[in-house]
Amino acid sequence: MIAVNQHRDDIQGLRALAVLAVIIFHVNHEWLPGGFIGVDIFFVISGYLITSIIFQQKEQGRFSFVSFYASRLRRIVPAYLFLLATVAAIMAILLIPRDFNSFYDSLKSAAFFNSNNYFKTQNDYFAPASHELPLLHTWSLAVEMQFYLLLPALLVLIPTRLIKPTIGAIAATLLLYSSLLLADGGRQDVYFSLAARIPEFLIGSLLALKNNHTLKKPNTNAWVGLALIALSFIFTTEESAFPGLLALPPCIGTALLISAQGSKVNQWLSGKVFVFTGALSYSLYLWHWPILAGLRYYFEVYELPGEALVIFFTLTLTASLISYYLIENTLRRANGRSGIYKFAAFSGVTLLAVLMARAANPMVSYSLPIELTRYAAPEDICHGQIVGECLRGDRQSSTEILLLGDSHAAQLNYFADVFGQTQRLRIRVITASSCVPIEGFDVVRVREQARESCSNQIETVKAHYESSQALLVAGKWQRHATSDPFMLALDRFLSEANNRNQPVILLAQVPMLETNVQRMNRHNALGSKRVAKLEATWGEANRKIEKLASRYPNVRFVDFSNIPLFSTPPFSNGRQIYQDEHHLNEEGSKAYGQAVSSRLGVILRGLTLKLSSTTPHYNPVISSRPLLR
């Protein structure tokens, strides 16, 4: 058992290795594919050290729950609160109001060390948008604090002779449980789960409880441990079924290194640079991610340009040094009543800063009229929900069209009003977030909180096929055309519509920009000189959908991306028509409808007439009267 007051330079060096791996991975995951495993190294180290402290104090009869939790709070919370307050103040300036509201929700969860459960239901850790979430990294601190709530009771209340077998059984059971969840497709749940991470802490705990954990061949075991970690860094990737069983090699490797005290590898880890970096590791971990996320949000790219990387490393090191020397070291040593006063005052200042940040966010720059920042009022449209009859256009018309798709169809609610009114059509608009509601859609690609609504909308849409005289489908084809399951589902959907002799029009994705328009406006107000440019690849997805549509006589792929309305996006005739980089706003949706209603009406009428003339038994409702007038 390690003595409570024994300082291990090699463990500090191991912390340095872990935090550097995490930072490298976060800067660019291609540089070190498994660098995120550095977090798991931290978990093993924490389990080892905390178990050593608790168990030794228990054996000496001087363990106190109050003292333990107070020491953990002094160690973790001051620097953490300083981070939250500072990041809140900066994000109040940087983020557009919609994004700040999401950030504020994550901030509230992070403040109570519950962000792992928050992010589990929000975004995939490895999804493209995740690299802009300033507090995403706090999930691991939440897991660690939750573990600290459980470990003392486990070590203190269970009889000493039963502790090792109990810990071993818990670790094995939870490891099996997480592996089964991963096999069942629950990758997001497992990644952020405390239960899935407890075995990693407990590997460190088991090492600490070993009567003589210093191995007879430290050099051999150190090299084996280092090799296990290095191989995990290189060969584990974002797509791996992790943590689960794949967490064992790096965690066992970490345990081997901890037990190899005195080996040549551990002497190397005890070098001054490693030890200093290890001492700074908590602050480095706290600060590197929000700085990186903020820069990515500002530049709107994942791979930062060279000058931005210089800014990143400079700010990260500076903020970490300030946090370490002025916050961590100062308040960690604060004991007694004065320590309580300092902690309370610091917490109060943090709370005030957070509240001021929320109030300041909308006032940083000129607020756009709400109709320019959304494609419709969420409570008025059937997007992920059913509101009334979901009807737009000429609601008195006896000719009904069904418009379905993801948010790229939801943005067409005002479009549908214009199109329906000019062509005397009743248009039912049913959409879902990130989901084209057709049977067979691969719902697993949708974020967890939207999966149920996606499935519900699929069933709702199916119920309206028979009453719909034609189908309009719109989607963010860039997102969907790369999914083989989706393309198969779309193929089946078109084939079934063809068998029903039902006309289908697939609308091309509207032009996509490189820059979020609201961000561009905000950052330009702060002194930036950014202009919107078209993104380079959105047209490729359109062509893939067009090729599929060409197989069926009842289907037309219609591309209006070259009309004058889209000649100078995000503006048209001095009006802002986009709400972000790929959605139209209310004004843009109306203008789109005004620009293409006549042409779209002709296309739909022609498709209907073609089906009626080429199909001997073509007899849907629309054949008995004019579809369009």
Foldseek 3Di string as FASTA:
>chain_A
DDDLPDDALLVLLLLLQLLVLCLVCLLPCVVFFLSPLSLLLVLLSVLQNVLLVLQVCLVVVNDDPVVLVVLVCLQPPFLLLVLLLVLLQVCLQQPALVVNVVLVVLSVCLNVLNNLVVVLQPDQCPDPLNLQRLCNLSLSVSLVVVVVVPVSCLNNVDDPVCSLVVLVVLLVVLLVVLLVCLVVVSQSCLVSDSSNSSNSSSLSSNLNSPPQLQDPDLQVLLVQLVVLLSCSRHPPHPPDSPDRPVSVSNSVSSSSNVNSPPYPSSVVSSDPVSSVSSLLSSLLSSPLRSLSSSLCSLVVDSNDDPVSVVVSVVVSVVRSVCSNPVTSVPLSPDDDPVSVVVVVVSNVVSVVSNVVSSVSSVVSDDDDPVLQQALDDVQPAQELHDDPQQKAAQQPAQAEEEEWEEVQSVSQRLLCNLLRPVFVYIYRYHYYHQAGLAPQTPLSVPRNNRSVSSPVSNVVVVVCPQSHQAYEYEYQLVVQVVDPSSVVRVLVVLVVCLVLLHAYEYEQFAWFWSWWPSSVNSVVRVPDDDDIDTDDCSVVSLVSVQVSQVVGLRYHYDYPNPPQCNPRPCDHPRHGQPNTGRHGGNVVSNVVSVRCSVVVVVVNQVSSVVSVVPPPPDDRPCVVDRNTD
